[in-house]
Amino acid sequence: MELRRKKDAAMMRLSPLLRSITLAGSLLTIGVIVINVWTLYQDWQRTVRITEERAIDLSLAQARQAEDTFLQTELSLREVQREIESQAETGEDVSTLNDIMRTLQHRLPQLDGIFYYDAQGRWVASSLMQSFSANNADREYFSYHRNNPRNSLHVGPALRSRSSGRYVIPVSLRVSDHYQGFRGVLLATVSVDYFRHYYDYFVIGPKDLLALMLADSTVLYARPLSDSYIGKNLAASPLFHQLLANAERGSGEWKAKVDGVTRIFGFASSSRYPLVVAAGFDKEGLFISWAESRVQGVVLSLVLLMAIILLWMLIRHEARRSLRYQIELTHLRDELTEANHSLENLANGDGLTGLANRRHFDHFLVKSLLHGRSSGGPVSLILFDIDYFKRYNDTYGHVAGDACLQQVARLLKTFAQRRTDIAARYGGEEFAIVLADTCAADALKIASDVVEAVRMLAIPHSSTGLETGCVTLSAGVATTVAGEGPERAERLIKRADEALYRAKHEGRNGARG
């Protein structure tokens, strides 16, 4: 009964109608899911692209602002530089230099101070109201100009001002004498707070990032990071070792080295100064915001999907109920077919060994010969006989004899695996194998392999007349010969039997053809 229920369930599963309904429902469900997932994916990708464009636009705006800031600073320094060069002819007037520097600083809110140092790093003039006795020969910008004769603007890494104690960005020019010798350094310090206040105007998320850096990846200022990040080098960032090498502006996505947050970045570099601005938007925060805005659409899609699934289940239930009646009508036919199969197996099989019986063998051999006649291929027959099997039965008994026959039969079956081959019990201790499309040499080789395989079973046979001390086979091989006319089954069997007789006459435990 349990088997019948399993069979009914299998038939229900395999029903073309149910399969069609299941396939249609599955395809429709999968289609709705795929379309929604694809739509959401495309929408997310579009959001990422828009964010990348926004980041690029923001970084471009910041880069232009930074470039304008440093251009104003450079023009102010050039003005002071011209005054110093003019005083080289008329005599140095420190008071005039101080006044010019104060005026210029008053015009530019980004400046923390303007300074002039001589060749030894001593303060000569400044925009400050009070004087300082500190020496700045140890600063990076001072060493740069002392060793570099070019009259180019130098923007150095941010540092703490010795005069104000605030973070400043040093912007400097070399002052040379008439012989292009090093005379000193002209310095303007741009306040980091100036960029801090400017960046505060922009509304960004708590994990979004705005960063101003030197082209060598040194941080000048980064919002919202603390001032401890000022001066850090980000050379390992993909921005510096990949993207900037190929373009002055662009976008990308990577985990920031400074805080480990994955962001969607836009970047832009200045064409005039060694500056890079990067704007990054927190990807996780962007995704959360995007997902929240898509909740309503996702809910509607889920409702539609559930409606489709419920409708599909209802249709499938009705189809299954209809099929149950059809299945009941098929049970009698199946039982009758099964009974016929059982009768056929009983008629064609040997009850002891499970091989084909003599009746099935005769029928199969005739069919094989007819096929070989039409195809022109050879047909081989091998007859086997267990050596001294009567002695085996007398010594070990009929139960052991039956077990011996079963072992030999199982082995023979492994040599007839093709659909065109058959292994059969020919009678008593005799067996046969029919091999289609097999020449005489190959058949003899197979027969020898079977003989050897049986010997390797090492079934004890103390009463055998052979030295092996175990059960052995003798085999005779016969093969149809092309061009000799149609081969009758009786003739082929006779030739195989004669070959078997020769094998026994010549010592057994072998195969002859």
Protein backbone atom coordinates (compact mmCIF):
# COMPACT_ATOMS: atom_id res chain seq x y z
CA MET A 1 0.00 0.00 0.00
CA GLU A 2 2.85 2.35 0.87
CA LEU A 3 4.51 1.56 -2.44
CA ARG A 4 1.27 2.33 -4.24
CA ARG A 5 0.99 5.71 -2.53
CA LYS A 6 4.55 6.53 -3.53
CA LYS A 7 3.81 5.50 -7.09
CA ASP A 8 0.68 7.68 -7.13
CA ALA A 9 2.69 10.62 -5.86
CA ALA A 10 5.31 10.02 -8.54
CA MET A 11 2.63 9.91 -11.24
CA MET A 12 1.16 13.15 -9.93
CA ARG A 13 4.56 14.76 -10.13
CA LEU A 14 5.18 13.48 -13.64
CA SER A 15 1.76 14.40 -15.02
CA PRO A 16 2.13 16.62 -18.13
CA LEU A 17 -0.74 18.83 -16.94
CA LEU A 18 0.72 19.25 -13.47
CA ARG A 19 4.16 19.75 -14.92
CA SER A 20 2.81 22.42 -17.24
CA ILE A 21 0.98 24.16 -14.40
CA THR A 22 4.03 23.90 -12.15
CA LEU A 23 6.31 25.14 -14.92
CA ALA A 24 4.02 28.05 -15.79
CA GLY A 25 3.62 29.03 -12.14
CA SER A 26 7.34 28.70 -11.49
CA LEU A 27 8.26 30.71 -14.58
CA LEU A 28 5.75 33.41 -13.71
CA THR A 29 6.98 33.57 -10.12
CA ILE A 30 10.62 33.56 -11.16
CA GLY A 31 9.84 36.14 -13.83
CA VAL A 32 8.24 38.50 -11.32
CA ILE A 33 11.16 38.01 -8.92
CA VAL A 34 13.80 38.46 -11.64
CA ILE A 35 12.11 41.57 -13.06
CA ASN A 36 11.83 43.14 -9.62
CA VAL A 37 15.37 42.21 -8.63
CA TRP A 38 16.70 43.46 -11.97
CA THR A 39 14.71 46.70 -11.64
CA LEU A 40 15.99 47.23 -8.11
CA TYR A 41 19.54 46.41 -9.21
CA GLN A 42 19.37 48.86 -12.11
CA ASP A 43 17.87 51.50 -9.85
CA TRP A 44 20.67 50.98 -7.32
CA GLN A 45 23.30 51.18 -10.04
CA ARG A 46 21.69 54.40 -11.29
CA THR A 47 21.77 55.77 -7.73
CA VAL A 48 25.46 54.88 -7.49
CA ARG A 49 26.19 56.59 -10.82
CA ILE A 50 24.29 59.70 -9.75
CA THR A 51 26.23 59.68 -6.47
CA GLU A 52 29.51 59.33 -8.37
CA GLU A 53 28.58 62.31 -10.55
CA ARG A 54 27.59 64.27 -7.46
CA ALA A 55 30.91 63.40 -5.82
CA ILE A 56 32.83 64.49 -8.93
CA ASP A 57 30.90 67.78 -9.11
CA LEU A 58 31.51 68.43 -5.42
CA SER A 59 35.22 67.64 -5.69
CA LEU A 60 35.51 69.88 -8.78
CA ALA A 61 33.87 72.75 -6.90
CA GLN A 62 36.21 72.22 -3.94
CA ALA A 63 39.22 71.98 -6.24
CA ARG A 64 38.33 75.28 -7.94
CA GLN A 65 37.82 76.93 -4.55
CA ALA A 66 41.18 75.64 -3.32
CA GLU A 67 42.89 76.72 -6.54
CA ASP A 68 41.40 80.22 -6.25
CA THR A 69 42.49 80.40 -2.61
CA PHE A 70 46.08 79.52 -3.40
CA LEU A 71 46.12 81.71 -6.53
CA GLN A 72 45.16 84.74 -4.42
CA THR A 73 47.85 83.76 -1.96
CA GLU A 74 50.44 83.40 -4.73
CA LEU A 75 49.57 86.83 -6.21
CA SER A 76 50.01 88.39 -2.77
CA LEU A 77 53.38 86.72 -2.33
CA ARG A 78 54.47 87.85 -5.80
CA GLU A 79 53.59 91.41 -4.86
CA VAL A 80 55.74 91.21 -1.73
CA GLN A 81 58.49 89.50 -3.74
CA ARG A 82 58.57 92.41 -6.20
CA GLU A 83 58.82 94.86 -3.30
CA ILE A 84 61.74 92.95 -1.82
CA GLU A 85 63.50 92.93 -5.19
CA SER A 86 62.85 96.67 -5.52
CA GLN A 87 64.30 97.33 -2.07
CA ALA A 88 67.39 95.42 -3.05
CA GLU A 89 68.24 98.47 -5.20
CA THR A 90 67.16 101.23 -2.81
CA GLY A 91 67.87 99.59 0.52
CA GLU A 92 65.76 97.32 2.69
CA ASP A 93 62.81 99.00 4.44
CA VAL A 94 61.36 96.51 6.92
CA SER A 95 58.62 98.89 8.03
CA THR A 96 57.29 99.21 4.47
CA LEU A 97 57.39 95.43 4.06
CA ASN A 98 55.42 94.96 7.27
CA ASP A 99 52.77 97.43 6.13
CA ILE A 100 52.41 95.76 2.72
CA MET A 101 52.12 92.33 4.34
CA ARG A 102 49.46 93.53 6.82
CA THR A 103 47.45 95.12 4.02
CA LEU A 104 47.56 91.94 1.95
CA GLN A 105 46.62 89.76 4.92
CA HIS A 106 43.69 92.05 5.67
CA ARG A 107 42.42 91.56 2.10
CA LEU A 108 42.59 87.77 2.19
CA PRO A 109 40.63 86.03 4.97
CA GLN A 110 42.37 82.71 4.32
CA LEU A 111 45.77 84.03 5.45
CA ASP A 112 47.04 83.40 8.96
CA GLY A 113 50.16 85.45 8.27
CA ILE A 114 52.82 86.57 5.75
CA PHE A 115 56.51 86.27 6.64
CA TYR A 116 59.94 86.98 5.21
CA TYR A 117 62.97 85.02 6.45
CA ASP A 118 66.60 85.63 5.54
CA ALA A 119 69.03 82.96 4.32
CA GLN A 120 69.66 81.79 7.91
CA GLY A 121 65.94 81.39 8.70
CA ARG A 122 65.68 84.52 10.87
CA TRP A 123 62.47 86.55 10.76
CA VAL A 124 62.98 89.77 8.79
CA ALA A 125 59.41 91.01 8.32
CA SER A 126 55.86 89.80 8.86
CA SER A 127 52.24 90.84 8.85
CA LEU A 128 52.02 90.29 12.60
CA MET A 129 51.85 93.21 14.96
CA GLN A 130 54.47 91.71 17.25
CA SER A 131 57.87 90.27 16.37
CA PHE A 132 59.20 86.80 17.18
CA SER A 133 62.74 85.60 17.65
CA ALA A 134 62.14 82.03 16.43
CA ASN A 135 64.21 80.58 13.59
CA ASN A 136 62.42 78.72 10.77
CA ALA A 137 65.43 77.23 9.00
CA ASP A 138 64.27 73.78 10.12
CA ARG A 139 60.97 73.92 8.22
CA GLU A 140 60.37 71.75 5.15
CA TYR A 141 59.60 74.70 2.88
CA PHE A 142 62.84 76.47 3.92
CA SER A 143 64.96 73.45 3.00
CA TYR A 144 63.05 73.12 -0.26
CA HIS A 145 63.82 76.66 -1.45
CA ARG A 146 67.40 76.61 -0.17
CA ASN A 147 68.09 73.56 -2.34
CA ASN A 148 65.85 74.52 -5.28
CA PRO A 149 66.77 77.65 -7.31
CA ARG A 150 63.48 77.83 -9.22
CA ASN A 151 61.16 80.76 -8.65
CA SER A 152 58.07 78.53 -8.33
CA LEU A 153 55.41 78.47 -5.66
CA HIS A 154 55.76 75.68 -3.12
CA VAL A 155 52.80 74.29 -1.16
CA GLY A 156 53.95 72.22 1.78
CA PRO A 157 52.24 69.87 4.23
CA ALA A 158 50.14 71.41 6.98
CA LEU A 159 51.88 72.24 10.25
CA ARG A 160 51.29 74.12 13.49
CA SER A 161 52.24 77.77 13.24
CA ARG A 162 54.89 78.92 15.72
CA SER A 163 53.29 82.35 15.84
CA SER A 164 49.60 81.45 16.24
CA GLY A 165 49.64 77.80 17.30
CA ARG A 166 46.99 76.97 14.68
CA TYR A 167 47.21 74.47 11.82
CA VAL A 168 48.30 76.26 8.66
CA ILE A 169 49.29 75.31 5.12
CA PRO A 170 52.64 76.90 4.18
CA VAL A 171 52.76 78.58 0.74
CA SER A 172 56.21 79.91 -0.09
CA LEU A 173 58.49 81.54 -2.68
CA ARG A 174 62.27 81.65 -2.88
CA VAL A 175 63.96 85.06 -2.61
CA SER A 176 67.17 85.25 -4.63
CA ASP A 177 69.85 87.92 -4.93
CA HIS A 178 71.15 89.42 -8.19
CA TYR A 179 73.37 86.38 -8.70
CA GLN A 180 70.50 83.93 -8.12
CA GLY A 181 71.96 83.03 -4.78
CA PHE A 182 69.71 82.06 -1.91
CA ARG A 183 68.64 85.17 -0.01
CA GLY A 184 65.68 83.88 1.97
CA VAL A 185 62.09 82.62 1.90
CA LEU A 186 58.82 84.49 1.53
CA LEU A 187 56.01 82.61 3.30
CA ALA A 188 52.23 82.92 3.47
CA THR A 189 50.36 80.60 5.82
CA VAL A 190 46.85 79.61 4.78
CA SER A 191 44.68 78.77 7.77
CA VAL A 192 43.29 75.24 7.86
CA ASP A 193 40.30 76.72 9.71
CA TYR A 194 39.49 78.65 6.54
CA PHE A 195 38.81 75.36 4.72
CA ARG A 196 37.14 73.95 7.83
CA HIS A 197 34.59 76.80 7.88
CA TYR A 198 34.08 76.61 4.12
CA TYR A 199 33.50 72.83 4.14
CA ASP A 200 31.01 73.25 7.00
CA TYR A 201 28.63 75.01 4.58
CA PHE A 202 28.03 71.71 2.77
CA VAL A 203 25.38 69.35 4.09
CA ILE A 204 26.82 65.83 4.15
CA GLY A 205 26.24 62.68 6.16
CA PRO A 206 28.12 61.79 9.36
CA LYS A 207 30.32 59.30 7.50
CA ASP A 208 30.65 61.25 4.26
CA LEU A 209 34.06 62.76 3.56
CA LEU A 210 35.50 65.96 2.09
CA ALA A 211 39.28 65.96 1.92
CA LEU A 212 41.91 68.40 0.67
CA MET A 213 45.27 66.75 0.04
CA LEU A 214 48.61 67.37 -1.57
CA ALA A 215 49.39 65.50 -4.76
CA ASP A 216 51.77 63.28 -2.77
CA SER A 217 48.72 62.07 -0.75
CA THR A 218 49.40 64.12 2.41
CA VAL A 219 46.17 65.21 4.13
CA LEU A 220 45.76 68.99 4.54
CA TYR A 221 42.23 68.83 5.93
CA ALA A 222 39.47 66.22 5.97
CA ARG A 223 35.91 66.64 7.19
CA PRO A 224 34.61 65.11 9.47
CA LEU A 225 37.90 63.56 10.63
CA SER A 226 39.76 64.97 13.60
CA ASP A 227 42.87 67.11 13.22
CA SER A 228 44.98 64.09 14.14
CA TYR A 229 44.60 62.99 10.50
CA ILE A 230 46.21 66.19 9.21
CA GLY A 231 49.62 65.32 7.80
CA LYS A 232 48.85 61.61 7.34
CA ASN A 233 50.02 60.05 4.09
CA LEU A 234 47.46 58.08 2.04
CA ALA A 235 49.79 56.74 -0.66
CA ALA A 236 48.26 53.25 -0.27
CA SER A 237 44.81 54.54 -1.28
CA PRO A 238 43.57 53.48 -4.77
CA LEU A 239 43.08 57.19 -5.48
CA PHE A 240 46.83 57.78 -5.55
CA HIS A 241 48.31 54.53 -6.84
CA GLN A 242 45.65 53.84 -9.51
CA LEU A 243 43.17 56.56 -10.45
CA LEU A 244 45.23 59.76 -10.43
CA ALA A 245 47.85 58.06 -12.57
CA ASN A 246 45.33 57.90 -15.42
CA ALA A 247 43.05 60.94 -15.02
CA GLU A 248 42.85 64.34 -13.35
CA ARG A 249 39.28 63.68 -12.29
CA GLY A 250 37.03 60.67 -11.91
CA SER A 251 35.25 58.43 -9.46
CA GLY A 252 35.57 55.08 -7.76
CA GLU A 253 34.57 52.98 -4.80
CA TRP A 254 36.96 51.83 -2.11
CA LYS A 255 37.46 51.52 1.61
CA ALA A 256 39.14 54.65 2.95
CA LYS A 257 42.46 53.95 4.65
CA VAL A 258 41.89 56.70 7.20
CA ASP A 259 38.79 55.22 8.88
CA GLY A 260 37.93 51.94 7.11
CA VAL A 261 34.58 53.21 5.74
CA THR A 262 33.61 52.15 2.20
CA ARG A 263 32.65 55.22 0.20
CA ILE A 264 31.71 56.23 -3.32
CA PHE A 265 34.36 58.78 -4.22
CA GLY A 266 34.74 61.56 -6.73
CA PHE A 267 38.08 63.30 -7.08
CA ALA A 268 39.63 66.23 -8.92
CA SER A 269 43.19 67.52 -9.04
CA SER A 270 44.32 71.09 -9.59
CA SER A 271 46.06 71.83 -12.88
CA ARG A 272 47.97 74.76 -11.32
CA TYR A 273 48.93 73.52 -7.87
CA PRO A 274 49.83 70.13 -6.37
CA LEU A 275 46.40 69.72 -4.81
CA VAL A 276 43.80 66.95 -4.88
CA VAL A 277 40.25 67.15 -3.54
CA ALA A 278 38.18 64.03 -2.85
CA ALA A 279 34.49 63.86 -1.95
CA GLY A 280 33.22 60.54 -0.64
CA PHE A 281 29.71 59.40 0.26
CA ASP A 282 29.20 56.56 2.74
CA LYS A 283 27.99 53.59 0.67
CA GLU A 284 26.22 51.89 3.57
CA GLY A 285 24.34 55.06 4.46
CA LEU A 286 23.48 55.62 0.81
CA PHE A 287 22.14 52.06 0.53
CA ILE A 288 20.01 52.42 3.67
CA SER A 289 18.54 55.67 2.38
CA TRP A 290 17.93 54.12 -1.04
CA ALA A 291 16.32 51.00 0.46
CA GLU A 292 14.00 53.05 2.68
CA SER A 293 12.78 54.96 -0.36
CA ARG A 294 11.98 51.70 -2.18
CA VAL A 295 10.06 49.94 0.61
CA GLN A 296 6.62 50.76 -0.80
CA GLY A 297 7.48 49.39 -4.23
CA VAL A 298 8.97 46.23 -2.74
CA VAL A 299 5.86 45.65 -0.60
CA LEU A 300 3.57 46.01 -3.63
CA SER A 301 5.74 43.57 -5.56
CA LEU A 302 5.58 41.06 -2.70
CA VAL A 303 1.78 41.37 -2.58
CA LEU A 304 1.61 40.71 -6.32
CA LEU A 305 3.96 37.76 -5.94
CA MET A 306 1.86 36.26 -3.13
CA ALA A 307 -1.30 36.64 -5.23
CA ILE A 308 0.38 34.82 -8.12
CA ILE A 309 1.55 32.02 -5.83
CA LEU A 310 -1.91 31.59 -4.25
CA LEU A 311 -3.58 31.48 -7.66
CA TRP A 312 -1.02 28.96 -8.87
CA MET A 313 -1.56 26.78 -5.79
CA LEU A 314 -5.35 26.84 -6.33
CA ILE A 315 -5.07 25.82 -9.98
CA ARG A 316 -2.55 23.13 -9.12
CA HIS A 317 -4.80 21.74 -6.37
CA GLU A 318 -7.74 21.42 -8.78
CA ALA A 319 -5.53 19.76 -11.37
CA ARG A 320 -4.20 17.26 -8.81
CA ARG A 321 -7.74 16.33 -7.75
CA SER A 322 -8.69 15.70 -11.37
CA LEU A 323 -5.61 13.58 -11.93
CA ARG A 324 -6.33 11.34 -8.95
CA TYR A 325 -9.34 9.89 -10.78
CA GLN A 326 -7.21 9.18 -13.83
CA ILE A 327 -4.56 7.50 -11.69
CA GLU A 328 -7.10 5.15 -10.13
CA LEU A 329 -8.12 4.02 -13.61
CA THR A 330 -4.54 3.18 -14.50
CA HIS A 331 -3.84 0.98 -11.46
CA LEU A 332 -5.47 -2.15 -12.93
CA ARG A 333 -3.54 -1.72 -16.16
CA ASP A 334 -0.29 -1.24 -14.22
CA GLU A 335 -0.92 -4.30 -12.08
CA LEU A 336 -1.63 -6.37 -15.18
CA THR A 337 1.52 -5.07 -16.86
CA GLU A 338 3.55 -5.88 -13.76
CA ALA A 339 2.13 -9.40 -13.70
CA ASN A 340 3.05 -9.86 -17.36
CA HIS A 341 6.57 -8.65 -16.66
CA SER A 342 6.89 -11.09 -13.77
CA LEU A 343 5.75 -13.95 -16.00
CA GLU A 344 8.17 -12.87 -18.68
CA ASN A 345 11.05 -12.77 -16.19
CA LEU A 346 10.10 -16.21 -14.94
CA ALA A 347 9.95 -17.48 -18.51
CA ASN A 348 13.29 -15.95 -19.55
CA GLY A 349 15.38 -16.09 -16.38
CA ASP A 350 17.17 -18.84 -14.49
CA GLY A 351 15.86 -18.99 -10.95
CA LEU A 352 19.15 -20.03 -9.33
CA THR A 353 21.74 -17.82 -11.06
CA GLY A 354 19.69 -14.85 -12.27
CA LEU A 355 21.12 -15.28 -15.77
CA ALA A 356 19.06 -15.82 -18.89
CA ASN A 357 17.71 -19.37 -19.14
CA ARG A 358 18.14 -21.75 -22.08
CA ARG A 359 14.89 -20.65 -23.74
CA HIS A 360 15.87 -16.98 -23.66
CA PHE A 361 19.39 -17.86 -24.81
CA ASP A 362 18.13 -19.72 -27.89
CA HIS A 363 15.85 -16.86 -28.86
CA PHE A 364 18.59 -14.23 -28.29
CA LEU A 365 21.16 -16.19 -30.31
CA VAL A 366 18.84 -16.41 -33.33
CA LYS A 367 18.15 -12.65 -33.13
CA SER A 368 21.89 -11.90 -32.88
CA LEU A 369 22.66 -14.04 -35.93
CA LEU A 370 19.92 -12.32 -37.95
CA HIS A 371 21.29 -8.93 -36.95
CA GLY A 372 24.84 -9.99 -37.80
CA ARG A 373 23.67 -11.24 -41.20
CA SER A 374 22.07 -7.85 -42.02
CA SER A 375 24.90 -5.72 -40.62
CA GLY A 376 27.77 -7.90 -41.76
CA GLY A 377 29.25 -7.96 -38.27
CA PRO A 378 30.58 -11.12 -36.58
CA VAL A 379 28.75 -12.88 -33.76
CA SER A 380 30.71 -14.92 -31.22
CA LEU A 381 29.49 -17.63 -28.87
CA ILE A 382 31.41 -18.84 -25.82
CA LEU A 383 30.38 -22.04 -24.03
CA PHE A 384 31.72 -22.62 -20.51
CA ASP A 385 31.75 -25.73 -18.37
CA ILE A 386 32.83 -25.95 -14.72
CA ASP A 387 35.60 -28.54 -14.51
CA TYR A 388 34.81 -31.64 -12.40
CA PHE A 389 31.63 -30.07 -11.04
CA LYS A 390 30.05 -33.45 -10.23
CA ARG A 391 33.00 -34.17 -7.93
CA TYR A 392 32.45 -30.72 -6.34
CA ASN A 393 28.82 -31.59 -5.57
CA ASP A 394 29.82 -35.00 -4.24
CA THR A 395 32.48 -33.44 -2.01
CA TYR A 396 30.80 -30.25 -0.75
CA GLY A 397 27.11 -30.96 -1.24
CA HIS A 398 24.43 -29.47 -3.46
CA VAL A 399 23.97 -26.33 -1.36
CA ALA A 400 27.64 -25.46 -1.82
CA GLY A 401 27.31 -26.42 -5.47
CA ASP A 402 24.45 -23.97 -5.93
CA ALA A 403 26.51 -21.25 -4.23
CA CYS A 404 29.41 -22.04 -6.57
CA LEU A 405 27.13 -21.70 -9.61
CA GLN A 406 25.86 -18.36 -8.33
CA GLN A 407 29.39 -17.00 -7.85
CA VAL A 408 30.41 -18.03 -11.36
CA ALA A 409 27.18 -16.56 -12.77
CA ARG A 410 27.77 -13.19 -11.11
CA LEU A 411 31.24 -13.06 -12.62
CA LEU A 412 30.02 -14.05 -16.10
CA LYS A 413 27.45 -11.26 -15.97
CA THR A 414 30.22 -8.66 -15.70
CA PHE A 415 31.57 -9.76 -19.09
CA ALA A 416 28.25 -9.22 -20.90
CA GLN A 417 27.40 -5.59 -20.14
CA ARG A 418 26.39 -4.39 -23.59
CA ARG A 419 22.76 -4.49 -24.67
CA THR A 420 23.84 -6.67 -27.60
CA ASP A 421 25.46 -9.27 -25.29
CA ILE A 422 23.92 -11.87 -23.02
CA ALA A 423 25.14 -14.29 -20.35
CA ALA A 424 23.00 -17.41 -19.89
CA ARG A 425 22.88 -20.67 -17.99
CA TYR A 426 23.07 -23.24 -20.76
CA GLY A 427 22.34 -26.22 -18.56
CA GLY A 428 23.57 -27.74 -15.29
CA GLU A 429 27.12 -26.44 -14.80
CA GLU A 430 27.31 -25.08 -18.36
CA PHE A 431 27.08 -21.39 -19.23
CA ALA A 432 27.13 -19.35 -22.43
CA ILE A 433 27.91 -15.80 -23.51
CA VAL A 434 26.72 -14.32 -26.83
CA LEU A 435 28.84 -11.39 -28.07
CA ALA A 436 27.60 -9.32 -31.02
CA ASP A 437 30.09 -7.50 -33.27
CA THR A 438 32.99 -9.39 -31.69
CA CYS A 439 35.65 -11.12 -33.78
CA ALA A 440 37.15 -14.51 -32.98
CA ALA A 441 40.36 -13.10 -31.47
CA ASP A 442 38.48 -10.75 -29.16
CA ALA A 443 36.04 -13.48 -28.15
CA LEU A 444 38.91 -15.85 -27.34
CA LYS A 445 40.54 -13.11 -25.27
CA ILE A 446 37.29 -12.58 -23.34
CA ALA A 447 36.92 -16.33 -22.79
CA SER A 448 40.48 -16.53 -21.45
CA ASP A 449 39.80 -13.55 -19.17
CA VAL A 450 36.69 -15.29 -17.79
CA VAL A 451 38.65 -18.50 -17.16
CA GLU A 452 41.34 -16.51 -15.36
CA ALA A 453 38.78 -14.52 -13.36
CA VAL A 454 37.04 -17.70 -12.15
CA ARG A 455 40.37 -19.16 -11.15
CA MET A 456 41.12 -15.94 -9.22
CA LEU A 457 37.90 -16.46 -7.24
CA ALA A 458 39.84 -19.26 -5.56
CA ILE A 459 36.75 -21.31 -4.73
CA PRO A 460 38.21 -24.41 -3.00
CA HIS A 461 37.84 -27.68 -4.94
CA SER A 462 39.88 -30.40 -3.26
CA SER A 463 38.59 -33.16 -5.53
CA THR A 464 39.47 -31.48 -8.82
CA GLY A 465 41.80 -33.33 -11.05
CA LEU A 466 43.89 -30.19 -11.56
CA GLU A 467 46.79 -28.77 -9.61
CA THR A 468 44.95 -25.48 -8.95
CA GLY A 469 43.00 -26.87 -6.04
CA CYS A 470 40.12 -24.53 -6.85
CA VAL A 471 37.13 -24.29 -9.16
CA THR A 472 38.09 -23.72 -12.83
CA LEU A 473 36.36 -23.33 -16.17
CA SER A 474 36.90 -24.67 -19.64
CA ALA A 475 35.68 -22.57 -22.55
CA GLY A 476 34.99 -23.08 -26.23
CA VAL A 477 34.67 -20.19 -28.69
CA ALA A 478 32.97 -20.07 -32.08
CA THR A 479 32.48 -17.05 -34.35
CA THR A 480 30.44 -16.52 -37.50
CA VAL A 481 32.67 -16.04 -40.53
CA ALA A 482 31.80 -13.42 -43.17
CA GLY A 483 31.35 -14.79 -46.67
CA GLU A 484 30.49 -18.35 -45.61
CA GLY A 485 26.77 -17.86 -45.97
CA PRO A 486 24.18 -17.61 -43.22
CA GLU A 487 25.21 -19.27 -39.96
CA ARG A 488 22.56 -21.32 -38.25
CA ALA A 489 22.34 -21.27 -34.46
CA GLU A 490 22.70 -25.07 -34.24
CA ARG A 491 25.89 -24.97 -36.29
CA LEU A 492 27.43 -22.18 -34.19
CA ILE A 493 26.58 -24.03 -30.97
CA LYS A 494 28.10 -27.21 -32.37
CA ARG A 495 31.34 -25.44 -33.28
CA ALA A 496 31.54 -23.84 -29.81
CA ASP A 497 30.84 -27.23 -28.19
CA GLU A 498 33.63 -28.84 -30.25
CA ALA A 499 36.01 -26.09 -29.10
CA LEU A 500 34.91 -26.71 -25.50
CA TYR A 501 35.60 -30.42 -25.96
CA ARG A 502 39.13 -29.61 -27.16
CA ALA A 503 39.70 -27.39 -24.14
CA LYS A 504 38.69 -30.23 -21.81
CA HIS A 505 40.69 -32.79 -23.78
CA GLU A 506 43.80 -30.61 -23.64
CA GLY A 507 43.84 -30.26 -19.88
CA ARG A 508 40.85 -28.08 -18.95
CA ASN A 509 41.20 -24.71 -17.17
CA GLY A 510 41.54 -22.92 -20.50
CA ALA A 511 39.83 -21.58 -23.61
CA ARG A 512 40.00 -22.86 -27.17
CA GLY A 513 38.61 -21.48 -30.41
